[in-house]
Amino acid sequence: MRGSHAEAPRRTVWLFDMDDTLHDASWQVFPRMNLEMTAYIQRHLQVDEQRADELRRHFWLRYGATLLGLMHEHGVRAEHFLEETHRFSDLARLLRADAAQRAALRRLPGRKYVLTNAPRAYALRVLGAFDMLREFDGVIAVEDMRQFGKLRPKPDARMLRHVLRRLGLRPAQCVLVEDTLGHLRSARALGLRGVWFTRYAHRAARRQAGAAAASASAQAPRLHRAGRHGRPGYVSARTSSLWQLPRLVPGGPRI
């Protein structure tokens, strides 16, 4: 994460999730990542493939991330897990994003940061492959989400408050653009506006539904009831196009 700003401007500051927001991770990256995580669990917990896959899904549903479950229940080191499951020697082949959405990002005024639960090395490779790095003032990766020695990735509100303080930002001036509703709900509780980005939601929903159905021992995922505008009340706007961001956010910039 780049250096903090002692005096933040009043204009809108955008915080973008990366996977399934800036690119279509559910197309190839997430299925491949699931295989890598399952193989990691096989190796380090000494279980067969079926049990490893069950544990991966269970941890994801119960803790919001497979990594957190492995850390809490088996003492796995985050750095080791992230390095082994995000190598992807053929990453370029797994990536897909809409060029029109990248153009909208380039035209969007205001400071912009990536806020991702992914490791920094992987995030930089993805953004570099799409020539997006120049569009952002900084990348806040999972390595930046530690407090008092504990890893606190999204949706942890304590981490988000800490990140904003480091950047010299007020919650009211920030907009989180994100595909995961639980993360948007946490951000709203701190006073951030949230835009639910649904461009890749159909494939992602199938992936999540499959995980829930296949994990009988996991906690049931929380329901997010849609309101009159097709979105939960804690979400300021819903869109499938980054071009719509300026008009969806009251007081935001105009492209």
Protein backbone atom coordinates (compact mmCIF):
# COMPACT_ATOMS: atom_id res chain seq x y z
CA MET A 1 0.00 0.00 0.00
CA ARG A 2 1.34 3.41 -0.91
CA GLY A 3 2.02 6.13 1.63
CA SER A 4 -0.77 7.78 3.59
CA HIS A 5 -2.18 11.20 2.78
CA ALA A 6 -2.34 13.68 5.63
CA GLU A 7 -5.10 15.73 4.00
CA ALA A 8 -7.45 13.87 1.68
CA PRO A 9 -9.33 15.76 -1.02
CA ARG A 10 -13.11 16.00 -0.82
CA ARG A 11 -13.74 14.23 -4.11
CA THR A 12 -14.89 10.63 -4.27
CA VAL A 13 -12.32 7.93 -3.53
CA TRP A 14 -13.03 4.57 -5.15
CA LEU A 15 -12.08 1.23 -3.56
CA PHE A 16 -12.31 -1.61 -6.07
CA ASP A 17 -12.41 -5.29 -5.34
CA MET A 18 -10.42 -7.22 -7.95
CA ASP A 19 -11.57 -10.81 -8.60
CA ASP A 20 -15.04 -10.88 -10.22
CA THR A 21 -15.08 -7.08 -10.24
CA LEU A 22 -12.16 -5.91 -12.36
CA HIS A 23 -12.00 -9.23 -14.21
CA ASP A 24 -14.04 -12.42 -14.66
CA ALA A 25 -12.33 -14.61 -12.08
CA SER A 26 -15.20 -17.12 -11.98
CA TRP A 27 -14.48 -18.05 -15.60
CA GLN A 28 -11.14 -19.83 -15.09
CA VAL A 29 -9.19 -18.41 -12.15
CA PHE A 30 -11.52 -19.43 -9.31
CA PRO A 31 -12.08 -23.01 -10.54
CA ARG A 32 -8.30 -23.41 -10.84
CA MET A 33 -7.75 -21.79 -7.45
CA ASN A 34 -10.21 -24.23 -5.88
CA LEU A 35 -8.16 -27.12 -7.24
CA GLU A 36 -4.95 -25.63 -5.86
CA MET A 37 -6.52 -25.10 -2.42
CA THR A 38 -7.89 -28.62 -2.35
CA ALA A 39 -4.46 -30.00 -3.26
CA TYR A 40 -2.87 -27.88 -0.51
CA ILE A 41 -5.28 -29.28 2.07
CA GLN A 42 -4.54 -32.81 0.86
CA ARG A 43 -0.81 -32.30 1.31
CA HIS A 44 -0.82 -30.51 4.63
CA LEU A 45 -3.72 -32.21 6.43
CA GLN A 46 -2.95 -35.67 5.01
CA VAL A 47 -6.50 -36.37 3.79
CA ASP A 48 -7.82 -37.72 0.50
CA GLU A 49 -9.09 -35.48 -2.30
CA GLN A 50 -12.77 -35.82 -1.45
CA ARG A 51 -12.25 -34.89 2.20
CA ALA A 52 -9.95 -32.03 1.24
CA ASP A 53 -12.60 -30.61 -1.10
CA GLU A 54 -15.24 -30.89 1.64
CA LEU A 55 -12.99 -29.03 4.08
CA ARG A 56 -12.24 -26.29 1.55
CA ARG A 57 -15.93 -25.64 1.00
CA HIS A 58 -16.67 -25.86 4.73
CA PHE A 59 -13.98 -23.31 5.62
CA TRP A 60 -15.11 -20.95 2.86
CA LEU A 61 -18.73 -20.99 4.04
CA ARG A 62 -17.99 -20.83 7.76
CA TYR A 63 -15.17 -18.27 7.81
CA GLY A 64 -15.63 -16.41 4.53
CA ALA A 65 -12.25 -17.69 3.27
CA THR A 66 -10.61 -21.12 3.12
CA LEU A 67 -7.41 -19.59 4.46
CA LEU A 68 -9.07 -18.30 7.63
CA GLY A 69 -10.48 -21.74 8.39
CA LEU A 70 -7.09 -23.35 7.95
CA MET A 71 -5.49 -20.73 10.18
CA HIS A 72 -8.10 -20.99 12.94
CA GLU A 73 -8.45 -24.76 12.99
CA HIS A 74 -5.05 -26.03 11.83
CA GLY A 75 -2.51 -23.26 12.44
CA VAL A 76 -1.60 -22.89 8.77
CA ARG A 77 0.67 -19.91 7.99
CA ALA A 78 -1.05 -17.47 5.67
CA GLU A 79 2.09 -16.68 3.67
CA HIS A 80 2.75 -20.35 2.92
CA PHE A 81 -0.82 -21.04 1.86
CA LEU A 82 -1.07 -17.96 -0.38
CA GLU A 83 2.26 -18.63 -2.08
CA GLU A 84 1.41 -22.24 -2.91
CA THR A 85 -2.16 -21.62 -4.11
CA HIS A 86 -1.65 -18.49 -6.24
CA ARG A 87 1.39 -19.38 -8.38
CA PHE A 88 -0.42 -19.98 -11.70
CA SER A 89 2.43 -20.33 -14.17
CA ASP A 90 -0.17 -20.03 -16.95
CA LEU A 91 -2.10 -17.12 -15.40
CA ALA A 92 -2.45 -15.16 -18.65
CA ARG A 93 -4.43 -18.04 -20.18
CA LEU A 94 -6.89 -17.97 -17.27
CA LEU A 95 -7.71 -14.27 -17.42
CA ARG A 96 -10.64 -12.56 -19.08
CA ALA A 97 -11.96 -9.00 -18.75
CA ASP A 98 -14.13 -6.65 -20.79
CA ALA A 99 -12.07 -4.01 -22.60
CA ALA A 100 -14.98 -1.56 -22.38
CA GLN A 101 -14.95 -1.85 -18.59
CA ARG A 102 -11.23 -1.12 -18.53
CA ALA A 103 -11.90 1.99 -20.62
CA ALA A 104 -14.53 3.12 -18.12
CA LEU A 105 -12.05 2.69 -15.30
CA ARG A 106 -9.51 4.87 -17.12
CA ARG A 107 -12.12 7.62 -17.58
CA LEU A 108 -13.35 7.57 -13.98
CA PRO A 109 -12.12 10.68 -12.10
CA GLY A 110 -10.91 10.57 -8.52
CA ARG A 111 -8.44 8.54 -6.54
CA LYS A 112 -8.76 4.80 -7.01
CA TYR A 113 -7.40 1.89 -4.97
CA VAL A 114 -7.64 -1.88 -5.33
CA LEU A 115 -8.82 -3.55 -2.11
CA THR A 116 -8.42 -7.30 -2.47
CA ASN A 117 -8.14 -10.34 -0.22
CA ALA A 118 -5.66 -11.77 -2.73
CA PRO A 119 -1.90 -11.77 -2.12
CA ARG A 120 0.05 -8.84 -3.53
CA ALA A 121 2.16 -10.80 -6.03
CA TYR A 122 -0.94 -12.35 -7.62
CA ALA A 123 -2.84 -9.04 -7.64
CA LEU A 124 0.03 -7.23 -9.36
CA ARG A 125 0.27 -9.96 -12.00
CA VAL A 126 -3.46 -9.77 -12.75
CA LEU A 127 -3.53 -5.98 -12.92
CA GLY A 128 -0.34 -5.94 -14.97
CA ALA A 129 -1.76 -8.43 -17.46
CA PHE A 130 -4.70 -6.08 -18.08
CA ASP A 131 -2.49 -2.97 -18.08
CA MET A 132 -4.53 -1.61 -15.16
CA LEU A 133 -1.81 -0.78 -12.66
CA ARG A 134 -1.42 2.78 -13.90
CA GLU A 135 -5.09 3.44 -13.16
CA PHE A 136 -4.71 3.01 -9.40
CA ASP A 137 -3.11 5.07 -6.65
CA GLY A 138 -2.33 1.91 -4.70
CA VAL A 139 -3.05 -1.78 -4.20
CA ILE A 140 -4.22 -2.88 -0.75
CA ALA A 141 -3.63 -6.63 -0.67
CA VAL A 142 -4.15 -9.24 2.03
CA GLU A 143 -0.63 -8.61 3.38
CA ASP A 144 -1.79 -5.10 4.34
CA MET A 145 -4.71 -6.46 6.36
CA ARG A 146 -2.91 -7.38 9.56
CA GLN A 147 -3.64 -5.78 12.90
CA PHE A 148 -1.84 -6.70 16.10
CA GLY A 149 -0.40 -9.75 14.39
CA LYS A 150 -3.77 -11.09 13.21
CA LEU A 151 -4.89 -11.33 9.61
CA ARG A 152 -8.19 -9.50 9.14
CA PRO A 153 -9.26 -9.63 5.47
CA LYS A 154 -12.58 -8.39 4.13
CA PRO A 155 -15.21 -8.16 5.51
CA ASP A 156 -13.49 -7.32 8.81
CA ALA A 157 -14.56 -3.76 9.71
CA ARG A 158 -11.52 -3.24 11.96
CA MET A 159 -9.20 -3.75 9.01
CA LEU A 160 -11.17 -1.40 6.80
CA ARG A 161 -11.18 1.32 9.46
CA HIS A 162 -7.41 0.89 9.84
CA VAL A 163 -6.85 1.11 6.06
CA LEU A 164 -8.85 4.31 5.77
CA ARG A 165 -6.95 5.86 8.67
CA ARG A 166 -3.63 5.04 7.01
CA LEU A 167 -4.77 6.64 3.77
CA GLY A 168 -6.16 9.69 5.55
CA LEU A 169 -9.67 9.05 4.24
CA ARG A 170 -13.11 9.60 5.75
CA PRO A 171 -15.64 6.79 5.23
CA ALA A 172 -18.21 9.20 3.78
CA GLN A 173 -15.95 10.12 0.85
CA CYS A 174 -15.29 6.48 -0.12
CA VAL A 175 -17.21 4.12 -2.40
CA LEU A 176 -16.54 0.37 -2.34
CA VAL A 177 -17.21 -1.36 -5.69
CA GLU A 178 -17.51 -5.05 -4.93
CA ASP A 179 -19.23 -8.26 -6.03
CA THR A 180 -19.55 -9.77 -2.52
CA LEU A 181 -22.54 -8.55 -0.53
CA GLY A 182 -21.09 -9.45 2.87
CA HIS A 183 -18.17 -7.12 2.24
CA LEU A 184 -20.50 -4.32 1.19
CA ARG A 185 -22.59 -4.75 4.32
CA SER A 186 -19.55 -4.44 6.56
CA ALA A 187 -18.36 -1.35 4.68
CA ARG A 188 -21.77 0.29 4.99
CA ALA A 189 -21.72 -0.17 8.77
CA LEU A 190 -18.61 2.05 8.80
CA GLY A 191 -20.27 4.72 6.67
CA LEU A 192 -18.92 3.86 3.21
CA ARG A 193 -21.19 3.86 0.20
CA GLY A 194 -21.28 0.58 -1.68
CA VAL A 195 -21.88 -0.38 -5.30
CA TRP A 196 -22.76 -4.03 -5.89
CA PHE A 197 -21.05 -5.03 -9.14
CA THR A 198 -22.93 -7.90 -10.77
CA ARG A 199 -21.39 -8.25 -14.23
CA TYR A 200 -20.06 -11.73 -13.43
CA ALA A 201 -22.70 -12.60 -10.83
CA HIS A 202 -24.42 -15.41 -12.76
CA ARG A 203 -21.35 -17.64 -12.91
CA ALA A 204 -20.26 -16.68 -9.40
CA ALA A 205 -23.70 -17.53 -8.00
CA ARG A 206 -23.54 -21.01 -9.52
CA ARG A 207 -20.12 -21.51 -7.95
CA GLN A 208 -21.32 -20.39 -4.50
CA ALA A 209 -24.52 -22.41 -4.69
CA GLY A 210 -22.49 -25.49 -5.56
CA ALA A 211 -20.26 -24.94 -2.55
CA ALA A 212 -23.23 -24.60 -0.21
CA ALA A 213 -25.01 -27.68 -1.56
CA ALA A 214 -21.87 -29.81 -1.34
CA SER A 215 -21.00 -28.87 2.24
CA ALA A 216 -23.61 -30.31 4.57
CA SER A 217 -21.43 -29.70 7.65
CA ALA A 218 -20.92 -26.00 6.94
CA GLN A 219 -22.97 -23.19 8.35
CA ALA A 220 -25.72 -22.03 6.01
CA PRO A 221 -24.74 -18.87 4.15
CA ARG A 222 -26.52 -15.69 5.22
CA LEU A 223 -29.45 -14.55 3.12
CA HIS A 224 -29.27 -11.12 1.52
CA ARG A 225 -32.82 -10.01 0.81
CA ALA A 226 -33.23 -7.68 -2.13
CA GLY A 227 -35.23 -4.50 -1.66
CA ARG A 228 -37.43 -2.63 -4.10
CA HIS A 229 -34.46 -1.76 -6.35
CA GLY A 230 -33.18 -5.33 -6.61
CA ARG A 231 -30.51 -4.80 -3.97
CA PRO A 232 -30.25 -4.99 -0.16
CA GLY A 233 -30.86 -1.77 1.72
CA TYR A 234 -27.23 -1.44 2.79
CA VAL A 235 -26.12 -1.21 -0.87
CA SER A 236 -26.24 2.27 -2.43
CA ALA A 237 -26.45 1.02 -6.01
CA ARG A 238 -26.28 -2.08 -8.19
CA THR A 239 -24.70 -2.18 -11.62
CA SER A 240 -23.12 -4.44 -14.21
CA SER A 241 -21.14 -1.63 -15.87
CA LEU A 242 -18.35 0.58 -14.55
CA TRP A 243 -19.54 3.27 -16.97
CA GLN A 244 -22.57 3.79 -14.73
CA LEU A 245 -20.59 4.50 -11.55
CA PRO A 246 -20.57 8.33 -11.75
CA ARG A 247 -24.35 8.68 -12.09
CA LEU A 248 -25.08 5.99 -9.49
CA VAL A 249 -23.11 7.65 -6.69
CA PRO A 250 -24.67 10.89 -5.39
CA GLY A 251 -22.11 13.66 -5.36
CA GLY A 252 -19.67 11.58 -7.35
CA PRO A 253 -17.71 12.74 -10.42
CA ARG A 254 -19.00 12.74 -13.98
CA ILE A 255 -17.28 10.94 -16.85
